[in-house]
Amino acid sequence: MYWFIIPLVFGFTSNVASTFTTLFSEKWGKVSGSLVTIILRDIIGIPVWAIGFLLAIRESQGLFYENLLFARIAGWIVLFAGAVIIVIALVSIRLKAAAPSTGDKLVNKGIYSVVRHPIHTGTFLEFTGLFLLWPSFQTVIACILGIIWILVQTKYEEKDLLKRIPEYRDYMKQVPRFFPSSFRKNSGEGQV
């Protein structure tokens, strides 16, 4: 009944391992280090945790509330909004998204001038949309594990970015982590 947790945890763990681009590059060289990151995140991590979410939805039993038309419409809107944010972010950082390397430059324009991790922001929205569409205990577990993964992933990713991109420290002080802030100038490293 809870088999979906295995691919979720495995996929999330593989994704977190991809945040060690600098370490991999120092150990095996820039090209090989980037290749390890690609394999861990893009080939193993993302597809495997996506399968975990599909299994959670498939195993869904006992909805928390009746899935009314309003909830379905809201779910699809939130899911679509998350996807749009992710696509905009991916277009903004281009190859850096699929193949981060130690030669990356800071991207702080467009959506990256509003939040530091718009891909994670979009993923938060997608988790919310999934819950609205399939409001089951299994989906809640998958979404909670996903949120924990994003928080852990971001922590390690930012440590890696600080090593790869020296300007990132100042960027952290100016731009909030996940959600836009009207107090952007005062948002520090701990700002979420």
Protein backbone atom coordinates (compact mmCIF):
# COMPACT_ATOMS: atom_id res chain seq x y z
CA MET A 1 0.00 0.00 0.00
CA TYR A 2 2.91 2.39 0.60
CA TRP A 3 5.33 1.08 -2.03
CA PHE A 4 5.45 4.55 -3.57
CA ILE A 5 7.71 5.70 -0.73
CA ILE A 6 10.62 3.60 -2.05
CA PRO A 7 10.98 5.35 -5.43
CA LEU A 8 10.23 8.71 -3.80
CA VAL A 9 13.02 8.40 -1.24
CA PHE A 10 15.42 6.84 -3.75
CA GLY A 11 14.72 9.55 -6.33
CA PHE A 12 14.94 12.37 -3.80
CA THR A 13 18.20 10.96 -2.42
CA SER A 14 19.66 10.72 -5.90
CA ASN A 15 18.62 14.31 -6.55
CA VAL A 16 20.28 15.54 -3.35
CA ALA A 17 23.48 13.75 -4.35
CA SER A 18 23.46 15.88 -7.51
CA THR A 19 24.11 18.98 -5.39
CA PHE A 20 27.72 17.95 -4.97
CA THR A 21 28.83 19.16 -8.42
CA THR A 22 31.93 20.86 -7.02
CA LEU A 23 32.96 17.79 -5.05
CA PHE A 24 32.44 15.49 -8.04
CA SER A 25 34.35 17.89 -10.31
CA GLU A 26 37.26 18.15 -7.87
CA LYS A 27 37.43 14.37 -7.61
CA TRP A 28 36.89 13.35 -11.26
CA GLY A 29 37.37 16.54 -13.29
CA LYS A 30 34.93 19.17 -14.57
CA VAL A 31 33.37 17.11 -17.39
CA SER A 32 33.07 13.87 -15.39
CA GLY A 33 31.79 15.74 -12.33
CA SER A 34 29.10 17.37 -14.42
CA LEU A 35 28.25 14.00 -15.98
CA VAL A 36 27.79 12.41 -12.54
CA THR A 37 25.43 15.26 -11.63
CA ILE A 38 23.43 14.75 -14.83
CA ILE A 39 23.11 11.02 -14.20
CA LEU A 40 22.12 11.39 -10.54
CA ARG A 41 19.57 14.15 -11.05
CA ASP A 42 18.24 14.02 -14.60
CA ILE A 43 18.49 10.33 -15.49
CA ILE A 44 17.88 8.69 -12.09
CA GLY A 45 16.52 11.21 -9.57
CA ILE A 46 13.74 13.12 -11.33
CA PRO A 47 12.24 10.16 -13.25
CA VAL A 48 12.32 7.87 -10.19
CA TRP A 49 10.66 10.33 -7.79
CA ALA A 50 8.10 11.18 -10.49
CA ILE A 51 7.25 7.47 -10.65
CA GLY A 52 6.89 7.57 -6.84
CA PHE A 53 4.32 10.36 -7.14
CA LEU A 54 2.42 8.49 -9.84
CA LEU A 55 2.33 5.41 -7.62
CA ALA A 56 1.11 7.50 -4.66
CA ILE A 57 -1.72 8.86 -6.79
CA ARG A 58 -2.51 5.38 -8.10
CA GLU A 59 -2.56 3.94 -4.55
CA SER A 60 -4.74 6.79 -3.27
CA GLN A 61 -7.53 5.60 -1.02
CA GLY A 62 -9.82 7.44 1.35
CA LEU A 63 -9.91 11.05 0.20
CA PHE A 64 -9.75 13.80 2.84
CA TYR A 65 -12.59 15.61 1.12
CA GLU A 66 -14.87 15.02 -1.81
CA ASN A 67 -12.99 16.08 -4.90
CA LEU A 68 -15.37 18.84 -5.99
CA LEU A 69 -15.19 20.68 -9.28
CA PHE A 70 -13.77 23.78 -7.55
CA ALA A 71 -10.91 21.74 -6.02
CA ARG A 72 -10.14 20.10 -9.38
CA ILE A 73 -10.09 23.44 -11.19
CA ALA A 74 -7.90 25.01 -8.47
CA GLY A 75 -5.62 21.96 -8.54
CA TRP A 76 -5.09 22.19 -12.30
CA ILE A 77 -4.51 25.96 -12.10
CA VAL A 78 -1.91 25.59 -9.34
CA LEU A 79 -0.27 22.64 -11.12
CA PHE A 80 -0.12 24.64 -14.37
CA ALA A 81 1.26 27.73 -12.58
CA GLY A 82 4.01 25.60 -11.05
CA ALA A 83 4.86 24.14 -14.45
CA VAL A 84 5.00 27.61 -16.05
CA ILE A 85 7.36 28.88 -13.33
CA ILE A 86 9.60 25.83 -13.79
CA VAL A 87 9.70 26.26 -17.59
CA ILE A 88 10.52 29.99 -17.29
CA ALA A 89 13.28 29.18 -14.80
CA LEU A 90 14.71 26.41 -17.00
CA VAL A 91 14.73 28.70 -20.05
CA SER A 92 16.48 31.39 -17.97
CA ILE A 93 19.33 29.14 -16.85
CA ARG A 94 19.41 26.96 -19.99
CA LEU A 95 22.09 24.26 -19.87
CA LYS A 96 22.98 25.03 -16.25
CA ALA A 97 19.70 23.37 -15.27
CA ALA A 98 20.50 20.03 -16.88
CA ALA A 99 24.29 20.08 -16.58
CA PRO A 100 25.64 22.26 -13.77
CA SER A 101 29.41 22.69 -13.76
CA THR A 102 32.14 24.49 -11.88
CA GLY A 103 32.29 27.05 -14.72
CA ASP A 104 28.74 28.31 -14.24
CA LYS A 105 28.03 32.03 -13.97
CA LEU A 106 25.47 33.62 -11.68
CA VAL A 107 22.04 34.07 -13.22
CA ASN A 108 20.27 36.91 -11.41
CA LYS A 109 18.01 38.32 -14.11
CA GLY A 110 14.37 37.61 -14.95
CA ILE A 111 12.67 35.21 -12.58
CA TYR A 112 16.00 34.74 -10.76
CA SER A 113 15.87 38.40 -9.71
CA VAL A 114 12.64 37.63 -7.81
CA VAL A 115 13.53 34.30 -6.13
CA ARG A 116 16.75 32.28 -5.92
CA HIS A 117 15.11 28.89 -6.51
CA PRO A 118 12.13 29.34 -8.86
CA ILE A 119 12.28 25.69 -9.93
CA HIS A 120 11.70 24.72 -6.30
CA THR A 121 8.95 27.35 -6.02
CA GLY A 122 7.23 25.79 -9.02
CA THR A 123 7.67 22.34 -7.52
CA PHE A 124 6.03 23.50 -4.26
CA LEU A 125 3.07 24.68 -6.34
CA GLU A 126 2.94 21.39 -8.22
CA PHE A 127 2.85 19.45 -4.94
CA THR A 128 -0.04 21.67 -3.83
CA GLY A 129 -1.85 21.07 -7.12
CA LEU A 130 -1.37 17.31 -6.82
CA PHE A 131 -2.88 17.34 -3.35
CA LEU A 132 -5.87 19.39 -4.53
CA LEU A 133 -6.45 16.94 -7.37
CA TRP A 134 -5.84 13.74 -5.35
CA PRO A 135 -6.50 14.61 -1.67
CA SER A 136 -5.51 11.26 -0.15
CA PHE A 137 -3.25 10.20 2.69
CA GLN A 138 -0.79 8.74 0.16
CA THR A 139 -0.58 12.03 -1.74
CA VAL A 140 -0.07 13.95 1.52
CA ILE A 141 2.82 11.65 2.46
CA ALA A 142 4.36 12.07 -1.00
CA CYS A 143 3.97 15.87 -0.82
CA ILE A 144 5.44 16.09 2.70
CA LEU A 145 8.42 13.97 1.62
CA GLY A 146 8.73 16.24 -1.42
CA ILE A 147 8.76 19.39 0.69
CA ILE A 148 11.39 17.91 3.02
CA TRP A 149 13.43 16.96 -0.05
CA ILE A 150 13.23 20.50 -1.48
CA LEU A 151 14.39 22.00 1.82
CA VAL A 152 17.32 19.58 2.10
CA GLN A 153 18.16 19.89 -1.59
CA THR A 154 18.21 23.69 -1.34
CA LYS A 155 20.48 23.65 1.71
CA TYR A 156 23.11 21.53 -0.04
CA GLU A 157 22.62 23.20 -3.40
CA GLU A 158 23.33 26.61 -1.92
CA LYS A 159 26.52 25.33 -0.26
CA ASP A 160 27.63 24.01 -3.65
CA LEU A 161 26.67 27.26 -5.40
CA LEU A 162 28.71 29.25 -2.89
CA LYS A 163 31.76 27.17 -3.85
CA ARG A 164 31.11 27.35 -7.61
CA ILE A 165 29.93 30.96 -7.89
CA PRO A 166 31.57 33.43 -5.46
CA GLU A 167 28.97 36.16 -6.25
CA TYR A 168 26.25 33.88 -4.93
CA ARG A 169 26.81 35.06 -1.32
CA ASP A 170 25.76 38.65 -2.16
CA TYR A 171 22.91 37.34 -4.30
CA MET A 172 21.62 35.37 -1.28
CA LYS A 173 21.42 38.58 0.73
CA GLN A 174 19.41 40.39 -1.96
CA VAL A 175 16.97 37.78 -3.27
CA PRO A 176 14.60 35.58 -1.20
CA ARG A 177 14.93 31.82 -1.44
CA PHE A 178 11.52 30.53 -2.60
CA PHE A 179 8.84 33.21 -2.56
CA PRO A 180 8.93 36.88 -3.59
CA SER A 181 9.16 39.38 -0.80
CA SER A 182 8.25 43.04 -0.64
CA PHE A 183 11.23 43.36 1.69
CA ARG A 184 13.65 41.93 -0.86
CA LYS A 185 16.54 44.23 0.07
CA ASN A 186 16.38 43.03 3.69
CA SER A 187 16.01 39.32 2.98
CA GLY A 188 19.04 37.47 4.28
CA GLU A 189 20.46 34.02 3.80
CA GLY A 190 17.85 32.47 6.06
CA GLN A 191 14.91 34.10 4.27
CA VAL A 192 12.46 31.60 2.84
